[in-house]
Amino acid sequence: MKSFKINNESFLFSIIFKAFTVLWTISFLLICPVIKVMVNKQTAFISRVILLIIFVIGCYIASRPTTVEYGAEKIYWKWLWYDNTVNFGDVKSVHYKVIHERTRYGYNHRFEIVFRLKNGTTLRLNDTLELEDIDNSIDGTTDDIKLMQLYRFIEKLYPEKIKRH
């Protein structure tokens, strides 16, 4: 089995948002009774420390890469406690796409592989990369992008599952 690591952002950010919301709610519930009793510098300091801890935890979670392993029969990926296995026999179609997301100072570009399974489930694997690297990998100029290597591997073994856009 071959293995590599990526930053699977769409899943990553949804988990971080949910975790931040839960932790913020817990910290708010713990701080509210204290604020009603006494409002002073100590209470403000405690609330800032709790929010700082939540921020540090979020940054740690965001920095954790997704490990992808693949072979002739299946693909497996894991990020923290979330893992997924896709058997190629269960795959209806596979395609890739390039996603351009506008940011405050420019664009983020993500290369994404989409797996459509026979049971109707859609699974996605993506990584944020430079647009030039994505274009060169699609054209076949370079072979640096790990997800494109995975896509070419699937294309070679299972050409009937590849869906062209």
Protein backbone atom coordinates (compact mmCIF):
# COMPACT_ATOMS: atom_id res chain seq x y z
CA MET A 1 0.00 0.00 0.00
CA LYS A 2 1.20 3.51 -0.83
CA SER A 3 0.76 6.26 1.74
CA PHE A 4 0.87 10.08 1.83
CA LYS A 5 -0.45 13.02 3.86
CA ILE A 6 -2.69 15.91 2.78
CA ASN A 7 -4.72 18.71 4.35
CA ASN A 8 -8.28 17.64 3.64
CA GLU A 9 -9.74 21.10 4.19
CA SER A 10 -13.47 20.89 3.64
CA PHE A 11 -13.88 18.23 6.30
CA LEU A 12 -11.24 19.84 8.47
CA PHE A 13 -12.93 23.23 8.64
CA SER A 14 -16.38 21.80 9.34
CA ILE A 15 -15.00 19.84 12.29
CA ILE A 16 -13.07 22.87 13.59
CA PHE A 17 -16.19 25.04 13.34
CA LYS A 18 -18.28 22.49 15.27
CA ALA A 19 -15.57 22.01 17.90
CA PHE A 20 -15.12 25.76 18.31
CA THR A 21 -18.88 26.25 18.69
CA VAL A 22 -19.14 23.54 21.35
CA LEU A 23 -16.09 24.75 23.26
CA TRP A 24 -17.22 28.38 23.08
CA THR A 25 -20.67 27.41 24.39
CA ILE A 26 -19.14 25.45 27.27
CA SER A 27 -16.81 28.32 28.15
CA PHE A 28 -19.72 30.79 27.96
CA LEU A 29 -21.84 28.65 30.28
CA LEU A 30 -18.99 28.42 32.75
CA ILE A 31 -18.30 32.15 32.64
CA CYS A 32 -21.92 33.43 32.81
CA PRO A 33 -22.54 32.48 36.47
CA VAL A 34 -19.24 34.10 37.43
CA ILE A 35 -20.07 37.31 35.54
CA LYS A 36 -23.45 37.62 37.31
CA VAL A 37 -21.80 37.34 40.71
CA MET A 38 -18.87 39.63 40.10
CA VAL A 39 -17.65 41.61 37.17
CA ASN A 40 -14.03 42.50 37.57
CA LYS A 41 -10.66 42.14 35.90
CA GLN A 42 -10.24 38.58 37.11
CA THR A 43 -13.42 37.47 35.31
CA ALA A 44 -12.37 39.21 32.11
CA PHE A 45 -8.96 37.56 32.36
CA ILE A 46 -10.49 34.10 32.84
CA SER A 47 -12.77 34.53 29.82
CA ARG A 48 -9.84 35.62 27.65
CA VAL A 49 -7.74 32.67 28.79
CA ILE A 50 -10.56 30.24 27.97
CA LEU A 51 -10.98 31.74 24.50
CA LEU A 52 -7.20 31.58 23.98
CA ILE A 53 -7.21 27.89 24.95
CA ILE A 54 -10.05 27.26 22.48
CA PHE A 55 -8.05 29.06 19.76
CA VAL A 56 -4.92 26.99 20.47
CA ILE A 57 -6.93 23.75 20.37
CA GLY A 58 -8.47 24.84 17.04
CA CYS A 59 -5.04 25.60 15.58
CA TYR A 60 -3.75 22.22 16.71
CA ILE A 61 -6.71 20.45 15.12
CA ALA A 62 -6.30 22.46 11.89
CA SER A 63 -2.63 21.49 11.63
CA ARG A 64 -3.27 17.74 11.73
CA PRO A 65 -2.88 16.18 8.26
CA THR A 66 -5.06 13.47 6.75
CA THR A 67 -3.21 10.22 6.10
CA VAL A 68 -4.20 8.48 2.86
CA GLU A 69 -3.28 4.88 2.04
CA TYR A 70 -4.22 3.13 -1.17
CA GLY A 71 -3.67 -0.12 -2.97
CA ALA A 72 -5.21 -2.12 -5.81
CA GLU A 73 -8.45 -2.87 -3.94
CA LYS A 74 -9.19 0.08 -1.63
CA ILE A 75 -8.41 3.56 -0.38
CA TYR A 76 -8.24 4.39 3.31
CA TRP A 77 -7.90 7.84 4.87
CA LYS A 78 -7.78 8.96 8.48
CA TRP A 79 -7.84 12.33 10.22
CA LEU A 80 -7.75 12.25 14.02
CA TRP A 81 -10.70 9.99 14.94
CA TYR A 82 -12.43 10.18 11.53
CA ASP A 83 -11.54 7.42 9.09
CA ASN A 84 -12.98 6.17 5.84
CA THR A 85 -12.44 3.13 3.64
CA VAL A 86 -13.51 2.93 0.01
CA ASN A 87 -13.40 -0.40 -1.79
CA PHE A 88 -13.02 0.06 -5.53
CA GLY A 89 -15.71 -2.56 -6.08
CA ASP A 90 -18.22 -0.21 -4.38
CA VAL A 91 -17.25 2.82 -6.50
CA LYS A 92 -19.66 3.86 -9.24
CA SER A 93 -17.55 6.72 -10.61
CA VAL A 94 -14.50 8.84 -9.83
CA HIS A 95 -13.66 12.31 -11.10
CA TYR A 96 -11.55 15.27 -10.08
CA LYS A 97 -12.16 18.98 -10.04
CA VAL A 98 -10.29 22.16 -9.25
CA ILE A 99 -12.01 24.50 -6.80
CA HIS A 100 -11.17 28.22 -6.67
CA GLU A 101 -12.17 29.97 -3.44
CA ARG A 102 -11.95 33.71 -3.14
CA THR A 103 -10.21 34.93 -0.01
CA ARG A 104 -9.60 38.38 1.34
CA TYR A 105 -6.27 38.73 -0.46
CA GLY A 106 -6.64 36.45 -3.47
CA TYR A 107 -7.68 32.87 -4.11
CA ASN A 108 -7.17 29.44 -2.61
CA HIS A 109 -7.06 26.56 -5.07
CA ARG A 110 -8.01 23.03 -4.10
CA PHE A 111 -7.60 19.83 -6.07
CA GLU A 112 -10.43 17.45 -5.20
CA ILE A 113 -11.15 13.80 -6.04
CA VAL A 114 -14.83 12.86 -5.82
CA PHE A 115 -15.89 9.24 -5.26
CA ARG A 116 -19.51 8.37 -6.04
CA LEU A 117 -20.40 5.03 -4.50
CA LYS A 118 -23.05 2.59 -5.70
CA ASN A 119 -25.11 3.17 -2.54
CA GLY A 120 -25.47 6.89 -3.41
CA THR A 121 -22.81 8.20 -1.02
CA THR A 122 -20.36 10.85 -2.23
CA LEU A 123 -16.92 11.06 -0.63
CA ARG A 124 -14.34 13.76 -1.29
CA LEU A 125 -10.61 14.05 -0.79
CA ASN A 126 -8.96 17.43 -1.42
CA ASP A 127 -5.81 19.40 -0.84
CA THR A 128 -4.99 23.11 -1.11
CA LEU A 129 -2.23 23.70 -3.66
CA GLU A 130 -0.79 26.33 -5.95
CA LEU A 131 -2.77 26.75 -9.19
CA GLU A 132 0.36 26.37 -11.32
CA ASP A 133 1.16 23.04 -9.64
CA ILE A 134 -2.38 21.81 -10.24
CA ASP A 135 -2.30 22.84 -13.92
CA ASN A 136 1.11 21.22 -14.47
CA SER A 137 -0.07 18.01 -12.84
CA ILE A 138 -3.27 17.86 -14.92
CA ASP A 139 -1.27 18.47 -18.11
CA GLY A 140 1.19 15.75 -17.12
CA THR A 141 4.15 18.14 -17.00
CA THR A 142 4.91 17.18 -13.38
CA ASP A 143 3.93 14.34 -11.09
CA ASP A 144 4.25 16.18 -7.76
CA ILE A 145 0.65 16.23 -6.54
CA LYS A 146 -0.10 13.15 -4.46
CA LEU A 147 -3.86 13.28 -5.16
CA MET A 148 -3.20 13.38 -8.91
CA GLN A 149 -0.94 10.34 -8.50
CA LEU A 150 -3.84 8.61 -6.75
CA TYR A 151 -6.23 9.64 -9.54
CA ARG A 152 -3.85 8.36 -12.24
CA PHE A 153 -3.50 5.10 -10.28
CA ILE A 154 -7.31 4.67 -10.24
CA GLU A 155 -7.51 5.67 -13.91
CA LYS A 156 -4.97 3.01 -14.82
CA LEU A 157 -6.54 0.17 -12.80
CA TYR A 158 -10.23 1.04 -13.25
CA PRO A 159 -10.69 3.08 -16.47
CA GLU A 160 -14.42 2.21 -16.56
CA LYS A 161 -15.00 4.09 -13.28
CA ILE A 162 -13.45 7.38 -14.48
CA LYS A 163 -16.02 10.04 -15.25
CA ARG A 164 -14.90 12.91 -17.49
CA HIS A 165 -16.25 16.42 -17.01
